[in-house]
C-alpha atoms as a PDB file:
ATOM      1  CA  MET A   1     -99.163  76.090 -57.497  1.00  0.00           C
ATOM      2  CA  SER A   2     -97.751  80.063 -56.841  1.00  0.00           C
ATOM      3  CA  ARG A   3     -94.606  81.923 -57.470  1.00  0.00           C
ATOM      4  CA  LEU A   4     -92.931  80.667 -55.179  1.00  0.00           C
ATOM      5  CA  LYS A   5     -90.427  83.472 -53.191  1.00  0.00           C
ATOM      6  CA  LEU A   6     -86.891  83.848 -52.316  1.00  0.00           C
ATOM      7  CA  GLU A   7     -87.646  85.051 -48.576  1.00  0.00           C
ATOM      8  CA  HIS A   8     -89.953  82.247 -48.408  1.00  0.00           C
ATOM      9  CA  LEU A   9     -86.898  79.766 -48.858  1.00  0.00           C
ATOM     10  CA  ARG A  10     -84.772  81.756 -46.989  1.00  0.00           C
ATOM     11  CA  THR A  11     -86.934  81.793 -44.431  1.00  0.00           C
ATOM     12  CA  PHE A  12     -87.198  78.406 -44.543  1.00  0.00           C
ATOM     13  CA  LEU A  13     -83.851  77.426 -44.170  1.00  0.00           C
ATOM     14  CA  THR A  14     -83.502  79.052 -41.686  1.00  0.00           C
ATOM     15  CA  VAL A  15     -86.243  77.728 -39.516  1.00  0.00           C
ATOM     16  CA  ALA A  16     -85.550  74.330 -40.707  1.00  0.00           C
ATOM     17  CA  HIS A  17     -81.317  75.370 -39.452  1.00  0.00           C
ATOM     18  CA  PHE A  18     -82.433  76.171 -35.929  1.00  0.00           C
ATOM     19  CA  ASN A  19     -85.444  74.411 -35.686  1.00  0.00           C
ATOM     20  CA  SER A  20     -87.445  77.118 -34.351  1.00  0.00           C
ATOM     21  CA  VAL A  21     -89.172  79.834 -35.820  1.00  0.00           C
ATOM     22  CA  SER A  22     -88.211  82.570 -32.673  1.00  0.00           C
ATOM     23  CA  ARG A  23     -84.626  81.753 -33.104  1.00  0.00           C
ATOM     24  CA  ALA A  24     -84.727  82.102 -37.424  1.00  0.00           C
ATOM     25  CA  ALA A  25     -86.808  85.827 -36.418  1.00  0.00           C
ATOM     26  CA  ASP A  26     -83.627  87.312 -34.283  1.00  0.00           C
ATOM     27  CA  VAL A  27     -81.479  86.126 -36.929  1.00  0.00           C
ATOM     28  CA  LEU A  28     -83.685  87.202 -39.941  1.00  0.00           C
ATOM     29  CA  ASN A  29     -84.660  90.142 -38.123  1.00  0.00           C
ATOM     30  CA  LEU A  30     -88.094  89.641 -38.293  1.00  0.00           C
ATOM     31  CA  THR A  31     -91.056  89.296 -36.143  1.00  0.00           C
ATOM     32  CA  GLN A  32     -91.962  85.489 -35.116  1.00  0.00           C
ATOM     33  CA  PRO A  33     -95.735  85.915 -37.463  1.00  0.00           C
ATOM     34  CA  ALA A  34     -94.156  87.663 -39.887  1.00  0.00           C
ATOM     35  CA  VAL A  35     -91.376  84.359 -39.917  1.00  0.00           C
ATOM     36  CA  THR A  36     -94.765  81.910 -38.807  1.00  0.00           C
ATOM     37  CA  SER A  37     -96.515  83.618 -41.810  1.00  0.00           C
ATOM     38  CA  ARG A  38     -93.902  83.491 -44.349  1.00  0.00           C
ATOM     39  CA  ILE A  39     -93.832  79.660 -43.852  1.00  0.00           C
ATOM     40  CA  LYS A  40     -97.773  78.817 -43.926  1.00  0.00           C
ATOM     41  CA  SER A  41     -97.280  81.198 -47.344  1.00  0.00           C
ATOM     42  CA  LEU A  42     -94.529  78.658 -48.671  1.00  0.00           C
ATOM     43  CA  GLU A  43     -96.838  75.834 -47.683  1.00  0.00           C
ATOM     44  CA  ASP A  44     -99.654  76.660 -49.072  1.00  0.00           C
ATOM     45  CA  ALA A  45     -97.422  77.645 -52.470  1.00  0.00           C
ATOM     46  CA  LEU A  46     -96.060  73.777 -52.077  1.00  0.00           C
ATOM     47  CA  ASN A  47     -99.709  72.935 -50.923  1.00  0.00           C
ATOM     48  CA  THR A  48     -97.743  70.259 -48.394  1.00  0.00           C
ATOM     49  CA  ALA A  49     -96.698  70.450 -45.043  1.00  0.00           C
ATOM     50  CA  LEU A  50     -92.564  71.317 -44.330  1.00  0.00           C
ATOM     51  CA  PHE A  51     -92.781  71.034 -40.706  1.00  0.00           C
ATOM     52  CA  ASP A  52     -93.855  68.690 -38.667  1.00  0.00           C
ATOM     53  CA  ARG A  53     -95.299  70.440 -35.282  1.00  0.00           C
ATOM     54  CA  SER A  54     -96.702  67.995 -33.312  1.00  0.00           C
ATOM     55  CA  THR A  55     -93.097  68.137 -31.395  1.00  0.00           C
ATOM     56  CA  GLY A  56     -93.468  70.590 -29.609  1.00  0.00           C
ATOM     57  CA  GLY A  57     -90.583  72.067 -32.371  1.00  0.00           C
ATOM     58  CA  MET A  58     -89.810  72.859 -35.863  1.00  0.00           C
ATOM     59  CA  ARG A  59     -89.034  68.942 -37.395  1.00  0.00           C
ATOM     60  CA  LEU A  60     -89.218  68.468 -40.810  1.00  0.00           C
ATOM     61  CA  THR A  61     -91.588  66.535 -42.521  1.00  0.00           C
ATOM     62  CA  LYS A  62     -90.721  64.634 -45.294  1.00  0.00           C
ATOM     63  CA  ARG A  63     -91.146  66.833 -48.319  1.00  0.00           C
ATOM     64  CA  GLY A  64     -89.449  69.355 -46.364  1.00  0.00           C
ATOM     65  CA  ASP A  65     -86.234  67.241 -46.327  1.00  0.00           C
ATOM     66  CA  MET A  66     -86.998  66.772 -49.887  1.00  0.00           C
ATOM     67  CA  LEU A  67     -87.173  70.429 -50.027  1.00  0.00           C
ATOM     68  CA  LEU A  68     -83.871  71.574 -47.672  1.00  0.00           C
ATOM     69  CA  GLN A  69     -81.679  69.793 -50.117  1.00  0.00           C
ATOM     70  CA  TYR A  70     -83.262  71.791 -53.366  1.00  0.00           C
ATOM     71  CA  ALA A  71     -83.297  75.370 -51.440  1.00  0.00           C
ATOM     72  CA  THR A  72     -79.906  75.063 -49.806  1.00  0.00           C
ATOM     73  CA  GLN A  73     -78.806  74.500 -53.853  1.00  0.00           C
ATOM     74  CA  PHE A  74     -81.041  77.484 -54.359  1.00  0.00           C
ATOM     75  CA  GLN A  75     -79.164  79.586 -51.799  1.00  0.00           C
ATOM     76  CA  GLN A  76     -75.710  78.650 -53.487  1.00  0.00           C
ATOM     77  CA  LEU A  77     -76.740  79.546 -56.715  1.00  0.00           C
ATOM     78  CA  SER A  78     -78.426  83.069 -55.497  1.00  0.00           C
ATOM     79  CA  GLU A  79     -74.754  83.160 -53.691  1.00  0.00           C
ATOM     80  CA  LEU A  80     -72.704  82.952 -57.110  1.00  0.00           C
ATOM     81  CA  VAL A  81     -75.093  85.105 -59.016  1.00  0.00           C
ATOM     82  CA  GLU A  82     -74.262  87.879 -55.860  1.00  0.00           C
ATOM     83  CA  ARG A  83     -70.809  87.325 -56.065  1.00  0.00           C
ATOM     84  CA  ASN A  84     -70.012  86.678 -59.493  1.00  0.00           C
ATOM     85  CA  ILE A  85     -72.889  89.141 -61.186  1.00  0.00           C
ATOM     86  CA  VAL A  86     -74.069  91.783 -58.885  1.00  0.00           C
ATOM     87  CA  ASP A  87     -71.377  94.592 -59.627  1.00  0.00           C
ATOM     88  CA  SER A  88     -69.986  95.511 -56.180  1.00  0.00           C
ATOM     89  CA  SER A  89     -69.233  99.376 -56.598  1.00  0.00           C
ATOM     90  CA  GLY A  90     -73.520  99.845 -56.706  1.00  0.00           C
ATOM     91  CA  VAL A  91     -73.242  97.702 -53.147  1.00  0.00           C
ATOM     92  CA  ASP A  92     -75.208  99.970 -51.016  1.00  0.00           C
ATOM     93  CA  ARG A  93     -75.402  98.908 -47.561  1.00  0.00           C
ATOM     94  CA  LEU A  94     -74.374  99.770 -43.861  1.00  0.00           C
ATOM     95  CA  MET A  95     -71.239  97.022 -42.764  1.00  0.00           C
ATOM     96  CA  ARG A  96     -70.976  97.612 -38.903  1.00  0.00           C
ATOM     97  CA  LEU A  97     -67.543  97.075 -38.116  1.00  0.00           C
ATOM     98  CA  GLY A  98     -65.813  95.806 -34.618  1.00  0.00           C
ATOM     99  CA  VAL A  99     -61.670  95.915 -34.409  1.00  0.00           C
ATOM    100  CA  SER A 100     -59.890  94.899 -31.001  1.00  0.00           C
ATOM    101  CA  GLU A 101     -57.211  98.052 -30.629  1.00  0.00           C
ATOM    102  CA  THR A 102     -53.966  95.440 -31.908  1.00  0.00           C
ATOM    103  CA  ILE A 103     -55.591  95.817 -35.258  1.00  0.00           C
ATOM    104  CA  ALA A 104     -56.746  99.549 -35.162  1.00  0.00           C
ATOM    105  CA  GLN A 105     -53.790 101.053 -34.836  1.00  0.00           C
ATOM    106  CA  SER A 106     -51.792  98.939 -37.215  1.00  0.00           C
ATOM    107  CA  TRP A 107     -53.523  98.290 -39.992  1.00  0.00           C
ATOM    108  CA  LEU A 108     -57.360  99.170 -39.750  1.00  0.00           C
ATOM    109  CA  PRO A 109     -56.833 102.007 -42.039  1.00  0.00           C
ATOM    110  CA  ASP A 110     -55.397  99.879 -44.823  1.00  0.00           C
ATOM    111  CA  PHE A 111     -58.383  97.735 -44.348  1.00  0.00           C
ATOM    112  CA  VAL A 112     -61.054 100.503 -44.534  1.00  0.00           C
ATOM    113  CA  GLY A 113     -59.427 101.439 -47.733  1.00  0.00           C
ATOM    114  CA  ALA A 114     -59.100  98.144 -49.488  1.00  0.00           C
ATOM    115  CA  LEU A 115     -62.918  97.495 -48.223  1.00  0.00           C
ATOM    116  CA  ARG A 116     -63.371 101.130 -50.631  1.00  0.00           C
ATOM    117  CA  ALA A 117     -61.953 100.209 -53.626  1.00  0.00           C
ATOM    118  CA  ALA A 118     -64.521  97.060 -53.926  1.00  0.00           C
ATOM    119  CA  TYR A 119     -67.327  98.603 -52.629  1.00  0.00           C
ATOM    120  CA  PRO A 120     -66.970 102.619 -53.393  1.00  0.00           C
ATOM    121  CA  VAL A 121     -70.688 103.233 -51.489  1.00  0.00           C
ATOM    122  CA  LEU A 122     -70.709 101.146 -48.434  1.00  0.00           C
ATOM    123  CA  LYS A 123     -70.887 102.705 -45.418  1.00  0.00           C
ATOM    124  CA  ILE A 124     -68.906 101.682 -42.560  1.00  0.00           C
ATOM    125  CA  GLU A 125     -69.280 102.525 -38.939  1.00  0.00           C
ATOM    126  CA  ILE A 126     -66.109 101.477 -36.446  1.00  0.00           C
ATOM    127  CA  SER A 127     -66.243 100.515 -32.857  1.00  0.00           C
ATOM    128  CA  VAL A 128     -62.973  99.671 -30.909  1.00  0.00           C
ATOM    129  CA  ASP A 129     -63.397  97.567 -27.984  1.00  0.00           C
ATOM    130  CA  ILE A 130     -61.790  94.743 -26.394  1.00  0.00           C
ATOM    131  CA  SER A 131     -62.353  91.350 -28.037  1.00  0.00           C
ATOM    132  CA  ILE A 132     -64.383  90.235 -25.119  1.00  0.00           C
ATOM    133  CA  ASN A 133     -67.063  92.893 -25.708  1.00  0.00           C
ATOM    134  CA  LEU A 134     -66.515  92.035 -29.486  1.00  0.00           C
ATOM    135  CA  ARG A 135     -67.630  88.737 -29.495  1.00  0.00           C
ATOM    136  CA  GLU A 136     -70.956  89.586 -27.378  1.00  0.00           C
ATOM    137  CA  GLN A 137     -71.392  92.010 -29.574  1.00  0.00           C
ATOM    138  CA  LEU A 138     -71.001  90.005 -32.846  1.00  0.00           C
ATOM    139  CA  LEU A 139     -73.227  87.264 -30.932  1.00  0.00           C
ATOM    140  CA  GLY A 140     -76.103  89.882 -30.282  1.00  0.00           C
ATOM    141  CA  ARG A 141     -76.162  91.207 -33.738  1.00  0.00           C
ATOM    142  CA  GLU A 142     -74.861  94.752 -32.661  1.00  0.00           C
ATOM    143  CA  ILE A 143     -71.881  94.232 -35.474  1.00  0.00           C
ATOM    144  CA  ASP A 144     -71.682  92.476 -38.492  1.00  0.00           C
ATOM    145  CA  LEU A 145     -67.673  91.886 -38.843  1.00  0.00           C
ATOM    146  CA  ALA A 146     -65.265  91.185 -35.590  1.00  0.00           C
ATOM    147  CA  ILE A 147     -61.571  91.056 -35.931  1.00  0.00           C
ATOM    148  CA  LEU A 148     -60.304  90.121 -32.539  1.00  0.00           C
ATOM    149  CA  LEU A 149     -58.704  88.196 -30.220  1.00  0.00           C
ATOM    150  CA  GLY A 150     -60.482  84.745 -31.831  1.00  0.00           C
ATOM    151  CA  PRO A 151     -61.396  81.911 -33.049  1.00  0.00           C
ATOM    152  CA  ILE A 152     -64.350  82.266 -31.619  1.00  0.00           C
ATOM    153  CA  SER A 153     -65.836  78.787 -31.025  1.00  0.00           C
ATOM    154  CA  ASP A 154     -69.294  78.928 -31.300  1.00  0.00           C
ATOM    155  CA  PHE A 155     -71.822  77.396 -34.198  1.00  0.00           C
ATOM    156  CA  THR A 156     -73.350  80.084 -35.216  1.00  0.00           C
ATOM    157  CA  VAL A 157     -70.337  81.817 -36.304  1.00  0.00           C
ATOM    158  CA  ASP A 158     -67.532  81.837 -39.065  1.00  0.00           C
ATOM    159  CA  ASN A 159     -63.606  82.438 -38.824  1.00  0.00           C
ATOM    160  CA  VAL A 160     -61.349  83.533 -41.165  1.00  0.00           C
ATOM    161  CA  ILE A 161     -57.419  82.984 -38.993  1.00  0.00           C
ATOM    162  CA  LEU A 162     -54.934  85.722 -39.790  1.00  0.00           C
ATOM    163  CA  PRO A 163     -51.304  85.982 -38.921  1.00  0.00           C
ATOM    164  CA  ASP A 164     -50.314  86.094 -35.907  1.00  0.00           C
ATOM    165  CA  VAL A 165     -48.724  89.135 -34.218  1.00  0.00           C
ATOM    166  CA  PRO A 166     -45.815  88.392 -32.366  1.00  0.00           C
ATOM    167  CA  LEU A 167     -45.303  90.272 -28.917  1.00  0.00           C
ATOM    168  CA  GLY A 168     -41.586  91.855 -27.854  1.00  0.00           C
ATOM    169  CA  TRP A 169     -39.952  93.293 -25.125  1.00  0.00           C
ATOM    170  CA  PHE A 170     -39.711  96.695 -25.049  1.00  0.00           C
ATOM    171  CA  SER A 171     -37.878  99.349 -22.953  1.00  0.00           C
ATOM    172  CA  ALA A 172     -37.266 103.517 -22.295  1.00  0.00           C
ATOM    173  CA  PRO A 173     -34.027 103.845 -24.194  1.00  0.00           C
ATOM    174  CA  GLY A 174     -31.016 104.253 -22.514  1.00  0.00           C
ATOM    175  CA  ILE A 175     -31.445 101.933 -19.480  1.00  0.00           C
ATOM    176  CA  ALA A 176     -30.676  98.794 -18.912  1.00  0.00           C
ATOM    177  CA  ALA A 177     -33.199  96.336 -19.739  1.00  0.00           C
ATOM    178  CA  PRO A 178     -33.803  94.039 -16.624  1.00  0.00           C
ATOM    179  CA  THR A 179     -32.898  90.757 -16.529  1.00  0.00           C
ATOM    180  CA  ASP A 180     -35.156  90.123 -13.411  1.00  0.00           C
ATOM    181  CA  LEU A 181     -38.667  90.469 -14.497  1.00  0.00           C
ATOM    182  CA  ALA A 182     -40.185  90.924 -11.136  1.00  0.00           C
ATOM    183  CA  SER A 183     -38.085  93.996 -10.692  1.00  0.00           C
ATOM    184  CA  ILE A 184     -39.964  96.506 -12.885  1.00  0.00           C
ATOM    185  CA  PRO A 185     -43.826  96.882 -13.425  1.00  0.00           C
ATOM    186  CA  ILE A 186     -45.109  95.285 -16.865  1.00  0.00           C
ATOM    187  CA  ALA A 187     -47.256  97.803 -18.954  1.00  0.00           C
ATOM    188  CA  THR A 188     -49.731  95.279 -21.084  1.00  0.00           C
ATOM    189  CA  TYR A 189     -53.199  94.429 -22.312  1.00  0.00           C
ATOM    190  CA  ALA A 190     -56.437  94.905 -20.303  1.00  0.00           C
ATOM    191  CA  ARG A 191     -56.953  92.787 -17.372  1.00  0.00           C
ATOM    192  CA  ASN A 192     -59.889  91.113 -19.258  1.00  0.00           C
ATOM    193  CA  THR A 193     -58.098  89.599 -22.370  1.00  0.00           C
ATOM    194  CA  ARG A 194     -56.983  86.914 -23.366  1.00  0.00           C
ATOM    195  CA  PRO A 195     -53.212  87.882 -23.435  1.00  0.00           C
ATOM    196  CA  PHE A 196     -53.067  89.165 -20.027  1.00  0.00           C
ATOM    197  CA  ARG A 197     -53.996  86.002 -18.789  1.00  0.00           C
ATOM    198  CA  GLU A 198     -51.952  84.106 -20.445  1.00  0.00           C
ATOM    199  CA  LEU A 199     -48.831  86.651 -19.716  1.00  0.00           C
ATOM    200  CA  ARG A 200     -49.419  86.315 -16.085  1.00  0.00           C
ATOM    201  CA  ALA A 201     -49.401  82.867 -16.313  1.00  0.00           C
ATOM    202  CA  ALA A 202     -46.425  82.811 -18.291  1.00  0.00           C
ATOM    203  CA  LEU A 203     -44.954  85.209 -15.508  1.00  0.00           C
ATOM    204  CA  PHE A 204     -45.673  83.109 -12.738  1.00  0.00           C
ATOM    205  CA  GLU A 205     -44.243  80.309 -13.593  1.00  0.00           C
ATOM    206  CA  ARG A 206     -40.941  81.422 -14.733  1.00  0.00           C
ATOM    207  CA  PHE A 207     -40.752  84.632 -12.112  1.00  0.00           C
ATOM    208  CA  GLY A 208     -42.542  83.920  -9.129  1.00  0.00           C
ATOM    209  CA  PRO A 209     -46.075  85.558  -7.352  1.00  0.00           C
ATOM    210  CA  ASP A 210     -44.205  88.572  -7.347  1.00  0.00           C
ATOM    211  CA  ILE A 211     -44.819  90.261 -10.811  1.00  0.00           C
ATOM    212  CA  SER A 212     -46.009  94.275 -10.803  1.00  0.00           C
ATOM    213  CA  MET A 213     -48.320  94.764 -14.027  1.00  0.00           C
ATOM    214  CA  PHE A 214     -50.043  97.204 -15.684  1.00  0.00           C
ATOM    215  CA  PRO A 215     -52.464  96.251 -17.627  1.00  0.00           C
ATOM    216  CA  SER A 216     -54.234  99.023 -19.910  1.00  0.00           C
ATOM    217  CA  SER A 217     -56.804  98.803 -22.290  1.00  0.00           C
ATOM    218  CA  SER A 218     -55.140 101.690 -23.999  1.00  0.00           C
ATOM    219  CA  LEU A 219     -51.940 100.611 -25.667  1.00  0.00           C
ATOM    220  CA  SER A 220     -50.513 103.914 -26.695  1.00  0.00           C
ATOM    221  CA  SER A 221     -50.946 104.187 -22.464  1.00  0.00           C
ATOM    222  CA  CYS A 222     -48.546 100.949 -22.453  1.00  0.00           C
ATOM    223  CA  PHE A 223     -46.359 102.533 -24.881  1.00  0.00           C
ATOM    224  CA  ARG A 224     -46.087 106.181 -23.339  1.00  0.00           C
ATOM    225  CA  MET A 225     -45.560 104.373 -19.721  1.00  0.00           C
ATOM    226  CA  VAL A 226     -42.342 102.028 -21.283  1.00  0.00           C
ATOM    227  CA  GLU A 227     -41.386 105.132 -22.883  1.00  0.00           C
ATOM    228  CA  ALA A 228     -41.374 107.230 -19.652  1.00  0.00           C
ATOM    229  CA  GLY A 229     -39.553 104.285 -18.030  1.00  0.00           C
ATOM    230  CA  LEU A 230     -42.389 103.506 -15.511  1.00  0.00           C
ATOM    231  CA  ALA A 231     -42.747 100.253 -17.004  1.00  0.00           C
ATOM    232  CA  VAL A 232     -41.484  97.710 -19.456  1.00  0.00           C
ATOM    233  CA  GLY A 233     -44.015  96.115 -22.139  1.00  0.00           C
ATOM    234  CA  ALA A 234     -44.876  92.779 -23.708  1.00  0.00           C
ATOM    235  CA  LEU A 235     -45.766  94.756 -26.157  1.00  0.00           C
ATOM    236  CA  PRO A 236     -46.961  93.743 -30.213  1.00  0.00           C
ATOM    237  CA  VAL A 237     -43.650  94.536 -32.662  1.00  0.00           C
ATOM    238  CA  SER A 238     -45.614  95.478 -35.598  1.00  0.00           C
ATOM    239  CA  LEU A 239     -46.555  98.439 -33.320  1.00  0.00           C
ATOM    240  CA  GLY A 240     -43.256  99.219 -31.309  1.00  0.00           C
ATOM    241  CA  THR A 241     -41.374  99.099 -34.484  1.00  0.00           C
ATOM    242  CA  ALA A 242     -41.705 102.974 -35.041  1.00  0.00           C
ATOM    243  CA  LEU A 243     -41.010 103.672 -31.974  1.00  0.00           C
ATOM    244  CA  VAL A 244     -37.640 102.066 -31.829  1.00  0.00           C
ATOM    245  CA  LYS A 245     -36.382 103.786 -35.202  1.00  0.00           C
ATOM    246  CA  GLU A 246     -37.416 107.287 -33.640  1.00  0.00           C
ATOM    247  CA  GLY A 247     -35.244 105.969 -30.704  1.00  0.00           C
ATOM    248  CA  LYS A 248     -38.196 106.686 -28.337  1.00  0.00           C
ATOM    249  CA  LEU A 249     -38.401 102.834 -27.755  1.00  0.00           C
ATOM    250  CA  ALA A 250     -35.352 100.004 -27.044  1.00  0.00           C
ATOM    251  CA  ARG A 251     -36.144  95.992 -27.702  1.00  0.00           C
ATOM    252  CA  PHE A 252     -34.428  94.110 -25.141  1.00  0.00           C
ATOM    253  CA  ASP A 253     -34.102  90.154 -24.687  1.00  0.00           C
ATOM    254  CA  PRO A 254     -35.048  88.100 -20.717  1.00  0.00           C
ATOM    255  CA  GLY A 255     -34.349  85.161 -22.628  1.00  0.00           C
ATOM    256  CA  TRP A 256     -38.373  84.412 -23.107  1.00  0.00           C
ATOM    257  CA  THR A 257     -41.373  85.775 -25.481  1.00  0.00           C
ATOM    258  CA  PRO A 258     -44.673  85.608 -24.947  1.00  0.00           C
ATOM    259  CA  GLU A 259     -46.606  83.746 -27.352  1.00  0.00           C
ATOM    260  CA  PRO A 260     -48.056  85.849 -30.241  1.00  0.00           C
ATOM    261  CA  LEU A 261     -51.496  86.584 -30.772  1.00  0.00           C
ATOM    262  CA  LYS A 262     -54.062  85.202 -32.544  1.00  0.00           C
ATOM    263  CA  PHE A 263     -56.937  87.327 -34.474  1.00  0.00           C
ATOM    264  CA  SER A 264     -59.176  86.822 -36.835  1.00  0.00           C
ATOM    265  CA  ALA A 265     -61.977  87.620 -38.281  1.00  0.00           C
ATOM    266  CA  SER A 266     -65.560  86.553 -37.244  1.00  0.00           C
ATOM    267  CA  TYR A 267     -69.145  86.402 -38.735  1.00  0.00           C
ATOM    268  CA  LEU A 268     -72.179  84.996 -38.352  1.00  0.00           C
ATOM    269  CA  GLY A 269     -73.146  82.053 -40.781  1.00  0.00           C
ATOM    270  CA  GLU A 270     -76.723  82.394 -40.922  1.00  0.00           C
ATOM    271  CA  PRO A 271     -77.814  84.440 -42.770  1.00  0.00           C
ATOM    272  CA  ARG A 272     -75.085  84.371 -45.112  1.00  0.00           C
ATOM    273  CA  SER A 273     -74.086  87.595 -46.809  1.00  0.00           C
ATOM    274  CA  GLN A 274     -71.290  87.819 -49.438  1.00  0.00           C
ATOM    275  CA  LEU A 275     -70.410  91.439 -48.747  1.00  0.00           C
ATOM    276  CA  ILE A 276     -69.723  89.946 -45.341  1.00  0.00           C
ATOM    277  CA  GLU A 277     -67.592  87.082 -46.362  1.00  0.00           C
ATOM    278  CA  ARG A 278     -65.773  88.736 -49.165  1.00  0.00           C
ATOM    279  CA  ALA A 279     -64.999  91.154 -46.168  1.00  0.00           C
ATOM    280  CA  ALA A 280     -63.732  89.069 -43.823  1.00  0.00           C
ATOM    281  CA  LYS A 281     -61.079  87.662 -46.559  1.00  0.00           C
ATOM    282  CA  ILE A 282     -60.537  91.104 -47.936  1.00  0.00           C
ATOM    283  CA  ALA A 283     -59.381  91.726 -43.846  1.00  0.00           C
ATOM    284  CA  GLU A 284     -56.778  88.736 -43.991  1.00  0.00           C
ATOM    285  CA  SER A 285     -55.123  89.606 -47.262  1.00  0.00           C
ATOM    286  CA  THR A 286     -54.431  93.126 -45.691  1.00  0.00           C
ATOM    287  CA  ALA A 287     -53.130  91.878 -42.385  1.00  0.00           C
ATOM    288  CA  ALA A 288     -50.979  89.207 -44.858  1.00  0.00           C
ATOM    289  CA  ALA A 289     -49.698  92.181 -46.431  1.00  0.00           C
ATOM    290  CA  ARG A 290     -48.791  93.867 -43.323  1.00  0.00           C
ATOM    291  CA  VAL A 291     -46.760  90.932 -41.656  1.00  0.00           C
END
């Protein structure tokens, strides 16, 4: 019997997971002929058919199902070696990171610093976007790790839940805080985001249909509008507290506070990556330290 190759076993696991050569090719960044060739080489090495192709799909044979158990154990052992034996300081690869603006303006620098401390030669590309776009970029494999309003409900995605981000009400200092939120525009998240939709629904329920909202994809712009007295803001407390201390903003309580924002560090479960999984955990600990 020929020596088994690790990449052939990983390809086998991916095809078995999706029951599809084309889907496995997308996940592994290979061509379909390359995936088919690896499966054929593995079957030749084992002198047995691993998939029943007569059904029009890729269904495991009995021996294929047996191999699936051993290959899964082998992958788990490989991951343990990667996690515990391989020197992380020598990991030289690119991580494509996508983050929402809330994170970019709060603890992103701390997170990147912790990543660089764990992986000194890691190359990091960062894109800042709204969560709906980050979700599509992750599912499209354009980024490796998304820190966004989550979690993402998709069977291909693993989510690490991050601490909630409380929202609070802010106004310009020195002016009377409004008691009727229908009397002044409200600066908040962009129109095609979950925070905007949830806030609009809650305001409509409490204050009726005459609410005026200033949605913006830039939280900095929201804070500037509030500081200028053009609006009040339902915005992250973590970002507004420093401005309150500087005397640029004031907190007020209209008798109701929006629900906190829920974030997750999300990544694709296949193919497995110890680096991405550890990065998600580093994001979790970094966010917890800032709560």
